[in-house]
Amino acid sequence: LVELSGLSQSSVSQHLALLREEDVVSVRGEAQLRFYSLKDPIVRGVIHTLCELCAGHSTKA
């Protein structure tokens, strides 16, 4: 997520913590790793649709 977003590790962690607190994502841990998943299939669908709409669009002017 850090590489994809361009955000710092601490910023990504803060965002994930907020999503966890709001019950948007669930988290499971294995050793030193954490795996996050969206809880609500509607949210998952909205994000999927947004990704499809944005695919191929450049943010560079």
PDB file of N, CA and C in Angstrom:
ATOM      1  N   LEU A   1       0.819  -1.201   0.000  1.00  0.00           N
ATOM      2  CA  LEU A   1       0.000   0.000   0.000  1.00  0.00           C
ATOM      3  C   LEU A   1       0.857   1.256   0.000  1.00  0.00           C
ATOM      4  N   VAL A   2       1.975   1.194   0.708  1.00  0.00           N
ATOM      5  CA  VAL A   2       2.882   2.343   0.744  1.00  0.00           C
ATOM      6  C   VAL A   2       3.366   2.660  -0.666  1.00  0.00           C
ATOM      7  N   GLU A   3       3.818   1.627  -1.382  1.00  0.00           N
ATOM      8  CA  GLU A   3       4.320   1.838  -2.744  1.00  0.00           C
ATOM      9  C   GLU A   3       3.216   2.310  -3.684  1.00  0.00           C
ATOM     10  N   LEU A   4       2.050   1.710  -3.596  1.00  0.00           N
ATOM     11  CA  LEU A   4       0.947   2.072  -4.491  1.00  0.00           C
ATOM     12  C   LEU A   4       0.422   3.477  -4.236  1.00  0.00           C
ATOM     13  N   SER A   5       0.380   3.878  -2.976  1.00  0.00           N
ATOM     14  CA  SER A   5      -0.222   5.166  -2.627  1.00  0.00           C
ATOM     15  C   SER A   5       0.772   6.319  -2.639  1.00  0.00           C
ATOM     16  N   GLY A   6       2.050   6.009  -2.441  1.00  0.00           N
ATOM     17  CA  GLY A   6       3.036   7.073  -2.324  1.00  0.00           C
ATOM     18  C   GLY A   6       3.051   7.720  -0.947  1.00  0.00           C
ATOM     19  N   LEU A   7       2.259   7.184  -0.026  1.00  0.00           N
ATOM     20  CA  LEU A   7       2.215   7.705   1.342  1.00  0.00           C
ATOM     21  C   LEU A   7       3.302   7.052   2.189  1.00  0.00           C
ATOM     22  N   SER A   8       3.610   7.666   3.310  1.00  0.00           N
ATOM     23  CA  SER A   8       4.580   7.084   4.236  1.00  0.00           C
ATOM     24  C   SER A   8       3.958   5.891   4.956  1.00  0.00           C
ATOM     25  N   GLN A   9       4.811   5.037   5.502  1.00  0.00           N
ATOM     26  CA  GLN A   9       4.339   3.872   6.245  1.00  0.00           C
ATOM     27  C   GLN A   9       3.449   4.296   7.410  1.00  0.00           C
ATOM     28  N   SER A  10       3.858   5.346   8.123  1.00  0.00           N
ATOM     29  CA  SER A  10       3.067   5.783   9.280  1.00  0.00           C
ATOM     30  C   SER A  10       1.708   6.329   8.849  1.00  0.00           C
ATOM     31  N   SER A  11       1.660   7.010   7.724  1.00  0.00           N
ATOM     32  CA  SER A  11       0.392   7.540   7.227  1.00  0.00           C
ATOM     33  C   SER A  11      -0.555   6.411   6.817  1.00  0.00           C
ATOM     34  N   VAL A  12      -0.026   5.408   6.127  1.00  0.00           N
ATOM     35  CA  VAL A  12      -0.843   4.250   5.746  1.00  0.00           C
ATOM     36  C   VAL A  12      -1.361   3.548   6.995  1.00  0.00           C
ATOM     37  N   SER A  13      -0.507   3.380   7.987  1.00  0.00           N
ATOM     38  CA  SER A  13      -0.916   2.730   9.234  1.00  0.00           C
ATOM     39  C   SER A  13      -2.033   3.501   9.920  1.00  0.00           C
ATOM     40  N   GLN A  14      -1.938   4.827   9.919  1.00  0.00           N
ATOM     41  CA  GLN A  14      -2.976   5.653  10.535  1.00  0.00           C
ATOM     42  C   GLN A  14      -4.301   5.515   9.789  1.00  0.00           C
ATOM     43  N   HIS A  15      -4.243   5.498   8.459  1.00  0.00           N
ATOM     44  CA  HIS A  15      -5.458   5.332   7.665  1.00  0.00           C
ATOM     45  C   HIS A  15      -6.090   3.959   7.917  1.00  0.00           C
ATOM     46  N   LEU A  16      -5.271   2.927   7.962  1.00  0.00           N
ATOM     47  CA  LEU A  16      -5.787   1.581   8.215  1.00  0.00           C
ATOM     48  C   LEU A  16      -6.395   1.476   9.613  1.00  0.00           C
ATOM     49  N   ALA A  17      -5.772   2.129  10.580  1.00  0.00           N
ATOM     50  CA  ALA A  17      -6.310   2.122  11.944  1.00  0.00           C
ATOM     51  C   ALA A  17      -7.687   2.786  11.976  1.00  0.00           C
ATOM     52  N   LEU A  18      -7.843   3.884  11.257  1.00  0.00           N
ATOM     53  CA  LEU A  18      -9.132   4.569  11.194  1.00  0.00           C
ATOM     54  C   LEU A  18     -10.187   3.677  10.534  1.00  0.00           C
ATOM     55  N   LEU A  19      -9.817   3.017   9.447  1.00  0.00           N
ATOM     56  CA  LEU A  19     -10.750   2.105   8.773  1.00  0.00           C
ATOM     57  C   LEU A  19     -11.142   0.941   9.680  1.00  0.00           C
ATOM     58  N   ARG A  20     -10.196   0.480  10.481  1.00  0.00           N
ATOM     59  CA  ARG A  20     -10.474  -0.598  11.439  1.00  0.00           C
ATOM     60  C   ARG A  20     -11.432  -0.108  12.522  1.00  0.00           C
ATOM     61  N   GLU A  21     -11.171   1.084  13.051  1.00  0.00           N
ATOM     62  CA  GLU A  21     -12.026   1.661  14.096  1.00  0.00           C
ATOM     63  C   GLU A  21     -13.455   1.864  13.600  1.00  0.00           C
ATOM     64  N   GLU A  22     -13.599   2.214  12.332  1.00  0.00           N
ATOM     65  CA  GLU A  22     -14.925   2.453  11.748  1.00  0.00           C
ATOM     66  C   GLU A  22     -15.565   1.166  11.239  1.00  0.00           C
ATOM     67  N   ASP A  23     -14.893   0.043  11.471  1.00  0.00           N
ATOM     68  CA  ASP A  23     -15.405  -1.282  11.109  1.00  0.00           C
ATOM     69  C   ASP A  23     -15.569  -1.474   9.598  1.00  0.00           C
ATOM     70  N   VAL A  24     -14.704  -0.806   8.823  1.00  0.00           N
ATOM     71  CA  VAL A  24     -14.723  -0.934   7.364  1.00  0.00           C
ATOM     72  C   VAL A  24     -13.875  -2.119   6.926  1.00  0.00           C
ATOM     73  N   VAL A  25     -12.770  -2.343   7.635  1.00  0.00           N
ATOM     74  CA  VAL A  25     -11.879  -3.453   7.298  1.00  0.00           C
ATOM     75  C   VAL A  25     -11.712  -4.372   8.500  1.00  0.00           C
ATOM     76  N   SER A  26     -11.364  -5.606   8.193  1.00  0.00           N
ATOM     77  CA  SER A  26     -10.970  -6.544   9.244  1.00  0.00           C
ATOM     78  C   SER A  26      -9.488  -6.822   9.054  1.00  0.00           C
ATOM     79  N   VAL A  27      -8.849  -7.255  10.118  1.00  0.00           N
ATOM     80  CA  VAL A  27      -7.415  -7.512  10.047  1.00  0.00           C
ATOM     81  C   VAL A  27      -7.121  -8.843  10.714  1.00  0.00           C
ATOM     82  N   ARG A  28      -6.210  -9.568  10.114  1.00  0.00           N
ATOM     83  CA  ARG A  28      -5.714 -10.785  10.750  1.00  0.00           C
ATOM     84  C   ARG A  28      -4.198 -10.737  10.675  1.00  0.00           C
ATOM     85  N   GLY A  29      -3.563 -11.262  11.694  1.00  0.00           N
ATOM     86  CA  GLY A  29      -2.116 -11.233  11.759  1.00  0.00           C
ATOM     87  C   GLY A  29      -1.510 -12.614  11.624  1.00  0.00           C
ATOM     88  N   GLU A  30      -0.385 -12.644  10.952  1.00  0.00           N
ATOM     89  CA  GLU A  30       0.437 -13.848  10.851  1.00  0.00           C
ATOM     90  C   GLU A  30       1.876 -13.410  11.064  1.00  0.00           C
ATOM     91  N   ALA A  31       2.447 -13.852  12.174  1.00  0.00           N
ATOM     92  CA  ALA A  31       3.815 -13.445  12.535  1.00  0.00           C
ATOM     93  C   ALA A  31       3.876 -11.921  12.560  1.00  0.00           C
ATOM     94  N   GLN A  32       4.763 -11.336  11.767  1.00  0.00           N
ATOM     95  CA  GLN A  32       4.937  -9.875  11.748  1.00  0.00           C
ATOM     96  C   GLN A  32       4.050  -9.193  10.707  1.00  0.00           C
ATOM     97  N   LEU A  33       3.247  -9.959   9.981  1.00  0.00           N
ATOM     98  CA  LEU A  33       2.436  -9.414   8.894  1.00  0.00           C
ATOM     99  C   LEU A  33       0.998  -9.188   9.331  1.00  0.00           C
ATOM    100  N   ARG A  34       0.343  -8.232   8.685  1.00  0.00           N
ATOM    101  CA  ARG A  34      -1.072  -7.966   8.898  1.00  0.00           C
ATOM    102  C   ARG A  34      -1.755  -8.008   7.537  1.00  0.00           C
ATOM    103  N   PHE A  35      -2.886  -8.686   7.475  1.00  0.00           N
ATOM    104  CA  PHE A  35      -3.665  -8.785   6.251  1.00  0.00           C
ATOM    105  C   PHE A  35      -5.009  -8.109   6.481  1.00  0.00           C
ATOM    106  N   TYR A  36      -5.333  -7.139   5.633  1.00  0.00           N
ATOM    107  CA  TYR A  36      -6.562  -6.372   5.758  1.00  0.00           C
ATOM    108  C   TYR A  36      -7.529  -6.782   4.658  1.00  0.00           C
ATOM    109  N   SER A  37      -8.801  -6.816   4.993  1.00  0.00           N
ATOM    110  CA  SER A  37      -9.824  -7.082   3.981  1.00  0.00           C
ATOM    111  C   SER A  37     -11.049  -6.228   4.276  1.00  0.00           C
ATOM    112  N   LEU A  38     -11.740  -5.866   3.202  1.00  0.00           N
ATOM    113  CA  LEU A  38     -12.963  -5.083   3.340  1.00  0.00           C
ATOM    114  C   LEU A  38     -14.070  -5.968   3.885  1.00  0.00           C
ATOM    115  N   LYS A  39     -14.805  -5.448   4.843  1.00  0.00           N
ATOM    116  CA  LYS A  39     -15.879  -6.224   5.465  1.00  0.00           C
ATOM    117  C   LYS A  39     -17.165  -6.200   4.650  1.00  0.00           C
ATOM    118  N   ASP A  40     -17.484  -5.071   4.082  1.00  0.00           N
ATOM    119  CA  ASP A  40     -18.772  -4.879   3.424  1.00  0.00           C
ATOM    120  C   ASP A  40     -18.651  -5.115   1.918  1.00  0.00           C
ATOM    121  N   PRO A  41     -19.388  -6.069   1.375  1.00  0.00           N
ATOM    122  CA  PRO A  41     -19.309  -6.331  -0.068  1.00  0.00           C
ATOM    123  C   PRO A  41     -19.770  -5.143  -0.913  1.00  0.00           C
ATOM    124  N   ILE A  42     -20.619  -4.283  -0.371  1.00  0.00           N
ATOM    125  CA  ILE A  42     -21.040  -3.096  -1.114  1.00  0.00           C
ATOM    126  C   ILE A  42     -19.865  -2.136  -1.267  1.00  0.00           C
ATOM    127  N   VAL A  43     -19.121  -1.928  -0.194  1.00  0.00           N
ATOM    128  CA  VAL A  43     -17.930  -1.075  -0.256  1.00  0.00           C
ATOM    129  C   VAL A  43     -16.931  -1.668  -1.246  1.00  0.00           C
ATOM    130  N   ARG A  44     -16.754  -2.971  -1.197  1.00  0.00           N
ATOM    131  CA  ARG A  44     -15.846  -3.652  -2.124  1.00  0.00           C
ATOM    132  C   ARG A  44     -16.279  -3.385  -3.570  1.00  0.00           C
ATOM    133  N   GLY A  45     -17.570  -3.465  -3.834  1.00  0.00           N
ATOM    134  CA  GLY A  45     -18.089  -3.213  -5.177  1.00  0.00           C
ATOM    135  C   GLY A  45     -17.878  -1.780  -5.625  1.00  0.00           C
ATOM    136  N   VAL A  46     -18.094  -0.832  -4.722  1.00  0.00           N
ATOM    137  CA  VAL A  46     -17.881   0.579  -5.049  1.00  0.00           C
ATOM    138  C   VAL A  46     -16.412   0.821  -5.398  1.00  0.00           C
ATOM    139  N   ILE A  47     -15.513   0.287  -4.602  1.00  0.00           N
ATOM    140  CA  ILE A  47     -14.084   0.467  -4.864  1.00  0.00           C
ATOM    141  C   ILE A  47     -13.699  -0.187  -6.183  1.00  0.00           C
ATOM    142  N   HIS A  48     -14.228  -1.370  -6.445  1.00  0.00           N
ATOM    143  CA  HIS A  48     -13.947  -2.055  -7.705  1.00  0.00           C
ATOM    144  C   HIS A  48     -14.408  -1.208  -8.894  1.00  0.00           C
ATOM    145  N   THR A  49     -15.610  -0.649  -8.803  1.00  0.00           N
ATOM    146  CA  THR A  49     -16.144   0.190  -9.872  1.00  0.00           C
ATOM    147  C   THR A  49     -15.295   1.438 -10.070  1.00  0.00           C
ATOM    148  N   LEU A  50     -14.894   2.073  -8.983  1.00  0.00           N
ATOM    149  CA  LEU A  50     -14.041   3.260  -9.083  1.00  0.00           C
ATOM    150  C   LEU A  50     -12.707   2.930  -9.743  1.00  0.00           C
ATOM    151  N   CYS A  51     -12.131   1.792  -9.385  1.00  0.00           N
ATOM    152  CA  CYS A  51     -10.863   1.374 -10.000  1.00  0.00           C
ATOM    153  C   CYS A  51     -11.034   1.152 -11.496  1.00  0.00           C
ATOM    154  N   GLU A  52     -12.145   0.545 -11.894  1.00  0.00           N
ATOM    155  CA  GLU A  52     -12.403   0.331 -13.319  1.00  0.00           C
ATOM    156  C   GLU A  52     -12.577   1.656 -14.052  1.00  0.00           C
ATOM    157  N   LEU A  53     -13.276   2.600 -13.438  1.00  0.00           N
ATOM    158  CA  LEU A  53     -13.488   3.902 -14.063  1.00  0.00           C
ATOM    159  C   LEU A  53     -12.187   4.686 -14.204  1.00  0.00           C
ATOM    160  N   CYS A  54     -11.293   4.519 -13.242  1.00  0.00           N
ATOM    161  CA  CYS A  54     -10.030   5.259 -13.245  1.00  0.00           C
ATOM    162  C   CYS A  54      -8.941   4.571 -14.061  1.00  0.00           C
ATOM    163  N   ALA A  55      -9.137   3.317 -14.409  1.00  0.00           N
ATOM    164  CA  ALA A  55      -8.118   2.566 -15.154  1.00  0.00           C
ATOM    165  C   ALA A  55      -7.833   3.267 -16.480  1.00  0.00           C
ATOM    166  N   GLY A  56      -6.547   3.470 -16.731  1.00  0.00           N
ATOM    167  CA  GLY A  56      -6.158   4.097 -17.984  1.00  0.00           C
ATOM    168  C   GLY A  56      -6.150   5.609 -17.956  1.00  0.00           C
ATOM    169  N   HIS A  57      -6.642   6.210 -16.881  1.00  0.00           N
ATOM    170  CA  HIS A  57      -6.625   7.666 -16.772  1.00  0.00           C
ATOM    171  C   HIS A  57      -5.343   8.098 -16.084  1.00  0.00           C
ATOM    172  N   SER A  58      -4.661   9.052 -16.671  1.00  0.00           N
ATOM    173  CA  SER A  58      -3.414   9.555 -16.103  1.00  0.00           C
ATOM    174  C   SER A  58      -3.692  10.795 -15.277  1.00  0.00           C
ATOM    175  N   THR A  59      -2.959  10.924 -14.168  1.00  0.00           N
ATOM    176  CA  THR A  59      -3.086  12.128 -13.341  1.00  0.00           C
ATOM    177  C   THR A  59      -2.080  13.182 -13.760  1.00  0.00           C
ATOM    178  N   LYS A  60      -1.216  12.862 -14.730  1.00  0.00           N
ATOM    179  CA  LYS A  60      -0.212  13.820 -15.203  1.00  0.00           C
ATOM    180  C   LYS A  60      -0.836  14.742 -16.239  1.00  0.00           C
ATOM    181  N   ALA A  61      -0.511  16.022 -16.142  1.00  0.00           N
ATOM    182  CA  ALA A  61      -1.050  16.999 -17.097  1.00  0.00           C
ATOM    183  C   ALA A  61      -0.140  17.148 -18.288  1.00  0.00           C
TER     184      ALA A  61
END
